[in-house]
Amino acid sequence: MSIILSIIYLIATVTFVFGLKMLGHPETAKKGNLISAVGMVIAIIGTIFFHDFEVPLINYLLIGSALLVGTIIGWLIAVKVEMTKMPELVSLFNGFGGGSALLIGLVEFGKNVGVEDSMKLSSSIITTILAAIIIGSITFTGSLIAWAKLNGSMNDIRLPKYNLINNVFFLGLIVFGTYIVMQGADSFVLIYLLLFAALAYGVLFVIPIGGADMPVVISLLNSLTGIAAAITGILYGNMVMLVGGILVGSAGLILTFVMCNAMNRSLSNVIFGAFGGDSATGAVSAGKTGGTIKKTTASDSAILLNYANKVVIVPGYGLAVAQAQHIIHELELLLIKKGVDVSYAIHPVAGRMPGHMNVLLAESKVDYDKLIEMDDINPQFPNTDVVLVVGANDVVNPAAHNDPSSPIYGMPILDVENARHIIVNKRSMNAGYAGIENELFFNQKTSMLFGDAKSALTELVSELRNM
């Protein structure tokens, strides 16, 4: 049986590696996700039916019931979730992974407490159990707080000296965990104190981080979930859990640093700097240079697009909120039919999670080849007749280049200001996540098309059809 199980785990591991590799490109991502899912199903079946120890029948019934209930709930959530809620769903899934790890840590601790030679247990095993509990707890509560912030159920809370409080709290967790290891890990009281402290730290860790940094936080929590899974793999000597956890943890960590580079900030600055927590409210009518905004209509915008040779669309979170991904694809096809060269400019941190815009546009069947990353699209803007910005804000703000006092100064942005004409669709003049005024809106080449993205684009498409 052990040989068969080893072969099954090897097959599952290979599917994880190939699946992750395929996730690196939008065209193969769906297939890669499916391959990885099949590998996980194979690993679960192998674990249940090809283990080397006896299991009571009731346990099989409980496992089967849990799998059935979890599958139904997961399927229903995945099918019904709106694209605007995808970041929240990812945060919840991260939290569930962390919660699983902390429960496994507690179970393993309970199995070893009271054993006659528990004091003789390897300190590395005890350390691994405590690491699963700590990392799992931080990921669990941190992900729940991230979900609440993304869902709008919680605002950013800034405690006095929160950096000092968080650092002291974290060091206290490490010291407390070390003390438990040195004491032989034989006290449920100490373990539960450690558990509640780690849960509290997860809350303190995410609460002060601003909305502008949510993509990085989600990626980091995803990495922590993978690390927690790898630790549980060590506890059970399960190679497929270990490899899967390492893959998720390392991929999440790499993506975290990619997100940080996209904002020209270090990970420590994201965690401890926490800009973007207070979004400005209310309308503004003039920029720092004394400029004024220029309003436009769907009719005028349609004329501009109709006679353009090259158009670049910049999607942002406002597009997702309005559920306008399908109508913008319709606009794209209409322009292409008129002989216009159309592409999409994708900023790495556009939206509220890594790859949010890619997923959103893929849902509306936008050709993958038209999704162009920031570094590749920026040189094309000087030769672009019209840029249509839909719901994006901070990622197109020239203050990142022009204003050393700006909190986004130095952040790589989409250089839409270099295009010949710019149309910006927004609900209002409210600031973005960073809570600062956007210089682009006062550019002489910019025309503001106010209104809900779906309504404005629908009217725009209607006008274009009549030309």
Protein backbone atom coordinates (compact mmCIF):
# COMPACT_ATOMS: atom_id res chain seq x y z
CA MET A 1 0.00 0.00 0.00
CA SER A 2 2.81 2.42 0.87
CA ILE A 3 4.36 1.99 -2.59
CA ILE A 4 1.02 2.73 -4.29
CA LEU A 5 0.50 5.78 -2.08
CA SER A 6 4.00 7.04 -2.88
CA ILE A 7 3.28 6.74 -6.60
CA ILE A 8 -0.02 8.59 -6.16
CA TYR A 9 1.72 11.38 -4.26
CA LEU A 10 4.37 11.60 -6.97
CA ILE A 11 1.69 11.96 -9.64
CA ALA A 12 -0.10 14.60 -7.56
CA THR A 13 3.15 16.51 -7.02
CA VAL A 14 3.88 16.54 -10.75
CA THR A 15 0.39 17.91 -11.47
CA PHE A 16 0.95 20.68 -8.91
CA VAL A 17 4.21 21.70 -10.55
CA PHE A 18 2.82 21.64 -14.08
CA GLY A 19 -0.40 23.33 -12.97
CA LEU A 20 1.51 26.15 -11.29
CA LYS A 21 3.67 26.57 -14.38
CA MET A 22 0.56 26.89 -16.56
CA LEU A 23 -0.92 29.48 -14.21
CA GLY A 24 1.84 31.82 -15.35
CA HIS A 25 0.03 32.62 -18.61
CA PRO A 26 -3.63 33.66 -18.98
CA GLU A 27 -4.18 31.39 -21.96
CA THR A 28 -3.20 28.25 -20.04
CA ALA A 29 -4.21 29.34 -16.52
CA LYS A 30 -7.65 27.70 -16.59
CA LYS A 31 -6.21 24.38 -17.73
CA GLY A 32 -3.41 24.63 -15.15
CA ASN A 33 -5.92 25.21 -12.37
CA LEU A 34 -7.89 22.16 -13.50
CA ILE A 35 -4.78 19.98 -13.64
CA SER A 36 -3.78 21.01 -10.12
CA ALA A 37 -7.31 20.34 -8.87
CA VAL A 38 -7.25 16.84 -10.38
CA GLY A 39 -3.91 16.23 -8.67
CA MET A 40 -5.40 17.26 -5.33
CA VAL A 41 -8.36 14.89 -5.82
CA ILE A 42 -5.94 12.05 -6.59
CA ALA A 43 -3.92 12.86 -3.45
CA ILE A 44 -7.05 12.92 -1.26
CA ILE A 45 -8.33 9.60 -2.63
CA GLY A 46 -4.91 8.01 -2.17
CA THR A 47 -4.64 9.26 1.41
CA ILE A 48 -8.08 7.91 2.32
CA PHE A 49 -7.88 4.47 0.72
CA PHE A 50 -4.18 3.53 0.53
CA HIS A 51 -2.83 4.30 4.01
CA ASP A 52 -1.03 1.69 6.16
CA PHE A 53 -3.22 1.86 9.27
CA GLU A 54 -6.71 0.71 10.13
CA VAL A 55 -9.52 3.25 10.30
CA PRO A 56 -12.99 2.60 11.79
CA LEU A 57 -15.88 2.72 9.34
CA ILE A 58 -17.42 5.69 11.15
CA ASN A 59 -14.30 7.71 10.31
CA TYR A 60 -14.79 7.05 6.61
CA LEU A 61 -18.39 8.20 6.90
CA LEU A 62 -17.30 11.39 8.68
CA ILE A 63 -14.58 12.09 6.12
CA GLY A 64 -16.94 11.45 3.23
CA SER A 65 -19.60 13.70 4.74
CA ALA A 66 -17.09 16.49 5.30
CA LEU A 67 -15.81 16.19 1.72
CA LEU A 68 -19.34 16.24 0.32
CA VAL A 69 -20.45 19.23 2.37
CA GLY A 70 -17.24 21.15 1.66
CA THR A 71 -17.45 20.41 -2.07
CA ILE A 72 -21.04 21.60 -2.31
CA ILE A 73 -20.37 24.78 -0.33
CA GLY A 74 -17.19 25.56 -2.28
CA TRP A 75 -18.88 24.95 -5.63
CA LEU A 76 -21.86 27.14 -4.78
CA ILE A 77 -19.64 29.97 -3.55
CA ALA A 78 -17.38 29.81 -6.61
CA VAL A 79 -20.32 29.76 -9.03
CA LYS A 80 -22.31 32.56 -7.40
CA VAL A 81 -19.54 34.95 -6.36
CA GLU A 82 -19.45 38.22 -8.31
CA MET A 83 -16.18 39.36 -9.84
CA THR A 84 -16.20 42.40 -7.56
CA LYS A 85 -16.20 40.01 -4.59
CA MET A 86 -13.36 37.81 -5.87
CA PRO A 87 -10.72 39.49 -3.64
CA GLU A 88 -12.90 38.86 -0.60
CA LEU A 89 -13.32 35.21 -1.64
CA VAL A 90 -9.56 34.78 -1.99
CA SER A 91 -9.09 36.25 1.49
CA LEU A 92 -11.63 33.82 2.95
CA PHE A 93 -9.96 30.85 1.27
CA ASN A 94 -6.61 31.99 2.68
CA GLY A 95 -8.23 32.17 6.11
CA PHE A 96 -9.67 28.67 5.84
CA GLY A 97 -6.24 27.31 4.94
CA GLY A 98 -4.70 28.98 7.97
CA GLY A 99 -7.54 27.77 10.19
CA SER A 100 -6.94 24.20 9.03
CA ALA A 101 -3.26 24.46 9.89
CA LEU A 102 -3.90 25.76 13.41
CA LEU A 103 -6.45 22.98 14.06
CA ILE A 104 -3.97 20.35 12.87
CA GLY A 105 -1.36 21.85 15.18
CA LEU A 106 -3.76 21.64 18.13
CA VAL A 107 -4.67 18.03 17.27
CA GLU A 108 -1.03 16.99 17.05
CA PHE A 109 -0.25 18.74 20.31
CA GLY A 110 -3.16 16.95 21.99
CA LYS A 111 -1.90 13.59 20.73
CA ASN A 112 1.49 14.13 22.36
CA VAL A 113 0.45 15.70 25.66
CA GLY A 114 0.29 13.17 28.44
CA VAL A 115 2.40 10.63 26.59
CA GLU A 116 4.86 9.13 29.01
CA ASP A 117 7.92 10.07 27.01
CA SER A 118 6.53 13.38 25.70
CA MET A 119 9.45 15.19 27.27
CA LYS A 120 11.68 13.15 25.01
CA LEU A 121 9.97 14.43 21.88
CA SER A 122 12.29 16.19 19.52
CA SER A 123 12.28 19.93 20.08
CA SER A 124 12.05 20.30 16.31
CA ILE A 125 8.69 18.46 16.33
CA ILE A 126 7.36 20.66 19.14
CA THR A 127 8.62 23.74 17.31
CA THR A 128 6.87 22.58 14.13
CA ILE A 129 3.59 22.13 16.01
CA LEU A 130 3.83 25.60 17.52
CA ALA A 131 4.77 27.10 14.14
CA ALA A 132 1.63 25.57 12.59
CA ILE A 133 -0.49 27.05 15.37
CA ILE A 134 1.10 30.52 15.21
CA ILE A 135 1.23 30.91 11.42
CA GLY A 136 -2.19 29.32 10.98
CA SER A 137 -3.73 31.63 13.58
CA ILE A 138 -2.17 34.77 12.11
CA THR A 139 -3.31 33.79 8.63
CA PHE A 140 -6.81 32.96 9.83
CA THR A 141 -7.64 36.19 11.65
CA GLY A 142 -5.54 38.33 9.32
CA SER A 143 -7.47 37.00 6.31
CA LEU A 144 -10.80 37.62 8.04
CA ILE A 145 -9.80 41.23 8.73
CA ALA A 146 -8.65 41.60 5.10
CA TRP A 147 -12.04 40.26 4.00
CA ALA A 148 -13.85 42.77 6.21
CA LYS A 149 -11.77 45.68 4.91
CA LEU A 150 -12.23 44.65 1.27
CA ASN A 151 -15.94 44.15 1.86
CA GLY A 152 -16.26 47.63 3.32
CA SER A 153 -17.36 46.25 6.70
CA MET A 154 -14.31 47.67 8.48
CA ASN A 155 -12.36 50.88 8.11
CA ASP A 156 -8.64 51.25 8.77
CA ILE A 157 -7.91 51.61 12.48
CA ARG A 158 -4.72 53.34 13.56
CA LEU A 159 -3.71 52.62 17.12
CA PRO A 160 -1.19 54.99 18.72
CA LYS A 161 2.32 53.63 18.10
CA TYR A 162 0.82 50.65 16.29
CA ASN A 163 4.18 49.72 14.75
CA LEU A 164 5.75 49.49 18.21
CA ILE A 165 2.76 47.55 19.56
CA ASN A 166 2.82 45.06 16.68
CA ASN A 167 6.58 44.52 16.86
CA VAL A 168 6.51 43.99 20.62
CA PHE A 169 3.52 41.64 20.26
CA PHE A 170 5.30 39.59 17.58
CA LEU A 171 8.51 39.34 19.60
CA GLY A 172 6.40 38.32 22.59
CA LEU A 173 4.90 35.47 20.51
CA ILE A 174 8.37 34.23 19.59
CA VAL A 175 9.62 34.43 23.18
CA PHE A 176 6.48 32.74 24.52
CA GLY A 177 6.74 29.97 21.93
CA THR A 178 10.39 29.43 22.81
CA TYR A 179 9.48 29.18 26.49
CA ILE A 180 6.84 26.51 25.72
CA VAL A 181 9.38 24.46 23.75
CA MET A 182 11.88 24.68 26.59
CA GLN A 183 9.20 23.58 29.08
CA GLY A 184 8.51 20.44 27.07
CA ALA A 185 5.14 21.49 25.62
CA ASP A 186 3.05 19.67 28.22
CA SER A 187 0.50 22.37 29.14
CA PHE A 188 -2.79 23.00 27.37
CA VAL A 189 -3.08 26.32 29.20
CA LEU A 190 0.13 27.64 27.65
CA ILE A 191 -0.82 26.40 24.19
CA TYR A 192 -4.21 28.07 24.29
CA LEU A 193 -2.65 31.28 25.55
CA LEU A 194 -0.26 31.12 22.59
CA LEU A 195 -3.19 30.40 20.25
CA PHE A 196 -5.24 33.42 21.41
CA ALA A 197 -2.17 35.65 21.31
CA ALA A 198 -1.46 34.59 17.70
CA LEU A 199 -5.10 35.16 16.75
CA ALA A 200 -4.91 38.64 18.27
CA TYR A 201 -1.68 39.40 16.41
CA GLY A 202 -3.32 38.45 13.11
CA VAL A 203 -5.93 41.13 13.77
CA LEU A 204 -3.36 43.75 14.81
CA PHE A 205 -1.19 42.88 11.81
CA VAL A 206 -3.79 43.69 9.14
CA ILE A 207 -5.99 46.35 10.79
CA PRO A 208 -3.70 49.37 10.13
CA ILE A 209 -2.81 48.45 6.53
CA GLY A 210 -4.52 50.75 4.04
CA GLY A 211 -6.70 49.80 1.09
CA ALA A 212 -4.00 50.71 -1.43
CA ASP A 213 -1.84 47.91 -0.06
CA MET A 214 -4.51 45.20 -0.08
CA PRO A 215 -3.11 43.38 -3.15
CA VAL A 216 0.20 42.94 -1.33
CA VAL A 217 -1.49 41.85 1.90
CA ILE A 218 -3.60 39.24 0.09
CA SER A 219 -0.51 37.88 -1.65
CA LEU A 220 1.43 37.76 1.63
CA LEU A 221 -1.40 35.99 3.45
CA ASN A 222 -1.58 33.52 0.58
CA SER A 223 2.11 32.82 1.06
CA LEU A 224 1.60 32.30 4.80
CA THR A 225 -1.20 29.83 4.03
CA GLY A 226 1.22 27.83 1.88
CA ILE A 227 3.84 27.88 4.61
CA ALA A 228 1.26 26.66 7.13
CA ALA A 229 0.30 23.82 4.76
CA ALA A 230 3.95 22.86 4.37
CA ILE A 231 4.37 22.75 8.15
CA THR A 232 1.38 20.42 8.50
CA GLY A 233 2.97 18.26 5.82
CA ILE A 234 6.04 17.99 8.04
CA LEU A 235 3.88 17.03 11.02
CA TYR A 236 2.29 14.15 9.14
CA GLY A 237 5.31 13.23 7.06
CA ASN A 238 3.12 13.85 4.01
CA MET A 239 5.22 14.76 1.00
CA VAL A 240 2.36 16.02 -1.17
CA MET A 241 1.24 18.46 1.55
CA LEU A 242 4.82 19.57 2.00
CA VAL A 243 5.46 20.13 -1.72
CA GLY A 244 2.08 21.78 -2.28
CA GLY A 245 2.64 24.10 0.65
CA ILE A 246 6.12 25.02 -0.51
CA LEU A 247 4.83 25.78 -4.01
CA VAL A 248 2.03 28.00 -2.71
CA GLY A 249 4.26 29.66 -0.12
CA SER A 250 7.10 30.43 -2.52
CA ALA A 251 4.79 31.55 -5.34
CA GLY A 252 2.89 33.81 -2.95
CA LEU A 253 6.12 35.29 -1.63
CA ILE A 254 7.47 35.94 -5.13
CA LEU A 255 4.18 37.59 -6.09
CA THR A 256 4.32 39.70 -2.92
CA PHE A 257 7.69 41.13 -3.92
CA VAL A 258 6.46 41.67 -7.48
CA MET A 259 3.57 43.71 -6.07
CA CYS A 260 5.96 45.69 -3.88
CA ASN A 261 8.23 46.42 -6.85
CA ALA A 262 5.18 47.55 -8.83
CA MET A 263 4.61 50.21 -6.15
CA ASN A 264 8.32 50.94 -5.69
CA ARG A 265 8.07 50.09 -2.02
CA SER A 266 9.64 47.53 0.27
CA LEU A 267 7.59 44.87 2.01
CA SER A 268 8.44 46.42 5.39
CA ASN A 269 7.16 49.78 4.16
CA VAL A 270 3.86 48.20 3.08
CA ILE A 271 3.42 46.49 6.45
CA PHE A 272 4.61 49.35 8.62
CA GLY A 273 3.98 52.36 6.37
CA ALA A 274 0.32 51.66 5.62
CA PHE A 275 -0.43 54.55 3.26
CA GLY A 276 -3.81 54.63 1.60
CA GLY A 277 -5.80 54.18 4.71
CA ASP A 278 -7.78 57.40 4.52
CA SER A 279 -9.39 58.04 1.19
CA ALA A 280 -10.36 61.56 0.52
CA THR A 281 -14.00 62.32 0.14
CA GLY A 282 -15.88 65.10 -1.55
CA ALA A 283 -15.40 66.68 -4.94
CA VAL A 284 -12.43 68.74 -6.03
CA SER A 285 -12.39 71.18 -8.92
CA ALA A 286 -8.82 72.34 -9.21
CA GLY A 287 -5.41 70.75 -9.13
CA LYS A 288 -2.30 71.91 -7.37
CA THR A 289 -1.24 73.82 -10.47
CA GLY A 290 -4.52 75.69 -10.62
CA GLY A 291 -5.87 73.67 -13.53
CA THR A 292 -9.52 72.87 -14.12
CA ILE A 293 -11.29 69.74 -15.20
CA LYS A 294 -12.89 69.41 -18.63
CA LYS A 295 -16.11 67.43 -18.79
CA THR A 296 -17.16 65.49 -21.86
CA THR A 297 -20.18 63.56 -23.07
CA ALA A 298 -20.65 60.07 -24.48
CA SER A 299 -21.32 61.62 -27.90
CA ASP A 300 -18.09 63.63 -27.95
CA SER A 301 -16.11 60.67 -26.62
CA ALA A 302 -17.58 58.42 -29.31
CA ILE A 303 -16.47 60.85 -32.02
CA LEU A 304 -12.95 60.89 -30.62
CA LEU A 305 -12.79 57.08 -30.48
CA ASN A 306 -14.39 56.65 -33.89
CA TYR A 307 -11.66 58.61 -35.69
CA ALA A 308 -8.74 57.14 -33.70
CA ASN A 309 -6.22 54.72 -35.16
CA LYS A 310 -4.96 53.37 -31.84
CA VAL A 311 -6.90 53.15 -28.56
CA VAL A 312 -5.64 51.85 -25.21
CA ILE A 313 -8.13 50.96 -22.48
CA VAL A 314 -6.97 51.18 -18.84
CA PRO A 315 -9.25 49.13 -16.56
CA GLY A 316 -9.46 49.70 -12.80
CA TYR A 317 -11.51 48.61 -9.81
CA GLY A 318 -14.35 50.92 -10.86
CA LEU A 319 -14.85 48.68 -13.88
CA ALA A 320 -15.28 45.68 -11.59
CA VAL A 321 -17.63 47.51 -9.23
CA ALA A 322 -19.91 48.45 -12.12
CA GLN A 323 -19.75 44.92 -13.59
CA ALA A 324 -18.87 46.59 -16.90
CA GLN A 325 -16.37 44.03 -18.21
CA HIS A 326 -18.81 42.70 -20.82
CA ILE A 327 -19.83 46.09 -22.19
CA ILE A 328 -16.21 47.22 -22.44
CA HIS A 329 -15.45 44.08 -24.47
CA GLU A 330 -18.39 45.01 -26.69
CA LEU A 331 -16.87 48.48 -27.09
CA GLU A 332 -13.53 46.92 -27.99
CA LEU A 333 -15.07 44.67 -30.67
CA LEU A 334 -17.00 47.60 -32.12
CA LEU A 335 -13.85 49.69 -32.41
CA ILE A 336 -11.92 46.81 -33.98
CA LYS A 337 -14.72 46.42 -36.52
CA LYS A 338 -14.18 50.09 -37.40
CA GLY A 339 -10.49 49.40 -38.00
CA VAL A 340 -9.16 50.74 -34.70
CA ASP A 341 -6.19 49.05 -33.01
CA VAL A 342 -7.37 48.34 -29.43
CA SER A 343 -5.42 46.97 -26.46
CA TYR A 344 -5.66 46.96 -22.66
CA ALA A 345 -3.00 48.38 -20.32
CA ILE A 346 -2.67 46.25 -17.18
CA HIS A 347 -0.98 47.63 -14.06
CA PRO A 348 0.28 44.94 -11.63
CA VAL A 349 -1.67 46.37 -8.67
CA ALA A 350 -4.83 47.48 -10.47
CA GLY A 351 -7.88 46.25 -8.56
CA ARG A 352 -7.85 44.71 -5.12
CA MET A 353 -5.90 41.53 -5.68
CA PRO A 354 -3.01 40.40 -7.90
CA GLY A 355 -4.25 39.74 -11.43
CA HIS A 356 -7.72 41.15 -10.69
CA MET A 357 -8.04 42.92 -14.06
CA ASN A 358 -6.78 39.89 -15.97
CA VAL A 359 -9.41 37.67 -14.37
CA LEU A 360 -12.13 40.27 -14.85
CA LEU A 361 -11.44 40.73 -18.57
CA ALA A 362 -10.97 37.00 -19.13
CA GLU A 363 -14.51 36.52 -17.86
CA SER A 364 -15.80 38.65 -20.74
CA LYS A 365 -13.73 36.68 -23.29
CA VAL A 366 -11.23 39.44 -24.03
CA ASP A 367 -8.39 38.11 -26.20
CA TYR A 368 -5.40 37.40 -23.91
CA ASP A 369 -3.00 38.91 -26.45
CA LYS A 370 -4.67 42.29 -25.98
CA LEU A 371 -3.79 42.40 -22.27
CA ILE A 372 -0.45 44.22 -22.22
CA GLU A 373 1.61 44.63 -19.06
CA MET A 374 2.83 48.02 -17.85
CA ASP A 375 6.44 47.76 -19.01
CA ASP A 376 5.37 46.78 -22.52
CA ILE A 377 2.54 49.28 -22.96
CA ASN A 378 4.24 52.41 -21.60
CA PRO A 379 6.45 52.95 -24.70
CA GLN A 380 3.28 52.79 -26.86
CA PHE A 381 1.43 55.69 -25.24
CA PRO A 382 3.14 58.48 -27.26
CA ASN A 383 1.77 56.83 -30.41
CA THR A 384 -1.70 56.28 -28.93
CA ASP A 385 -4.52 58.49 -30.19
CA VAL A 386 -6.92 57.93 -27.29
CA VAL A 387 -6.55 56.37 -23.85
CA LEU A 388 -9.81 55.37 -22.17
CA VAL A 389 -9.34 55.09 -18.38
CA VAL A 390 -12.22 53.24 -16.73
CA GLY A 391 -12.28 53.26 -12.94
CA ALA A 392 -8.49 53.48 -12.48
CA ASN A 393 -6.94 56.23 -10.38
CA ASP A 394 -3.64 55.96 -8.53
CA VAL A 395 -2.03 53.72 -11.18
CA VAL A 396 -2.30 56.55 -13.75
CA ASN A 397 -1.48 59.49 -11.46
CA PRO A 398 1.48 61.53 -12.82
CA ALA A 399 2.22 62.65 -9.24
CA ALA A 400 4.22 59.41 -9.03
CA HIS A 401 6.70 61.13 -11.38
CA ASN A 402 6.21 64.81 -10.63
CA ASP A 403 5.57 65.29 -6.91
CA PRO A 404 8.33 64.21 -4.49
CA SER A 405 5.99 64.95 -1.56
CA SER A 406 3.34 62.53 -2.83
CA PRO A 407 2.96 59.19 -0.98
CA ILE A 408 3.02 57.42 -4.38
CA TYR A 409 6.15 59.22 -5.61
CA GLY A 410 8.45 56.74 -7.32
CA MET A 411 5.68 54.21 -7.91
CA PRO A 412 5.76 52.87 -11.50
CA ILE A 413 2.55 53.94 -13.25
CA LEU A 414 0.91 53.67 -16.65
CA ASP A 415 2.17 56.72 -18.56
CA VAL A 416 -1.20 57.60 -20.07
CA GLU A 417 -0.35 61.32 -19.88
CA ASN A 418 1.84 60.79 -22.96
CA ALA A 419 -1.11 59.87 -25.19
CA ARG A 420 -2.64 62.42 -27.59
CA HIS A 421 -6.08 62.36 -25.96
CA ILE A 422 -7.29 60.96 -22.62
CA ILE A 423 -10.83 60.08 -21.59
CA VAL A 424 -11.34 59.26 -17.91
CA ASN A 425 -14.55 57.60 -16.75
CA LYS A 426 -15.26 58.05 -13.03
CA ARG A 427 -18.31 58.33 -10.83
CA SER A 428 -16.99 61.50 -9.20
CA MET A 429 -13.82 63.42 -8.43
CA ASN A 430 -13.21 61.43 -5.25
CA ALA A 431 -9.64 60.34 -4.64
CA GLY A 432 -8.43 56.77 -5.03
CA TYR A 433 -7.02 54.37 -2.41
CA ALA A 434 -4.01 56.56 -1.78
CA GLY A 435 -6.30 59.43 -0.77
CA ILE A 436 -4.60 61.99 -3.03
CA GLU A 437 -5.67 64.18 -5.91
CA ASN A 438 -4.92 62.87 -9.41
CA GLU A 439 -2.99 65.33 -11.56
CA LEU A 440 -4.10 63.52 -14.70
CA PHE A 441 -7.66 64.79 -14.29
CA PHE A 442 -6.45 68.39 -14.74
CA ASN A 443 -4.30 67.67 -17.78
CA GLN A 444 -5.30 69.75 -20.82
CA LYS A 445 -5.54 66.55 -22.88
CA THR A 446 -7.93 64.90 -20.40
CA SER A 447 -11.71 64.84 -20.70
CA MET A 448 -13.78 63.56 -17.77
CA LEU A 449 -16.73 61.30 -18.60
CA PHE A 450 -18.62 61.15 -15.31
CA GLY A 451 -21.02 58.36 -14.41
CA ASP A 452 -21.29 54.69 -13.57
CA ALA A 453 -18.93 52.73 -15.83
CA LYS A 454 -21.58 50.35 -17.14
CA SER A 455 -24.04 53.13 -17.96
CA ALA A 456 -21.42 55.41 -19.48
CA LEU A 457 -19.91 52.64 -21.64
CA THR A 458 -23.36 51.46 -22.74
CA GLU A 459 -24.17 54.97 -23.93
CA LEU A 460 -20.76 55.19 -25.59
CA VAL A 461 -21.36 51.95 -27.49
CA SER A 462 -24.78 53.19 -28.56
CA GLU A 463 -23.29 56.41 -29.93
CA LEU A 464 -20.56 54.54 -31.81
CA ARG A 465 -23.09 52.21 -33.45
CA ASN A 466 -24.87 55.21 -34.90
CA MET A 467 -21.72 56.52 -36.60
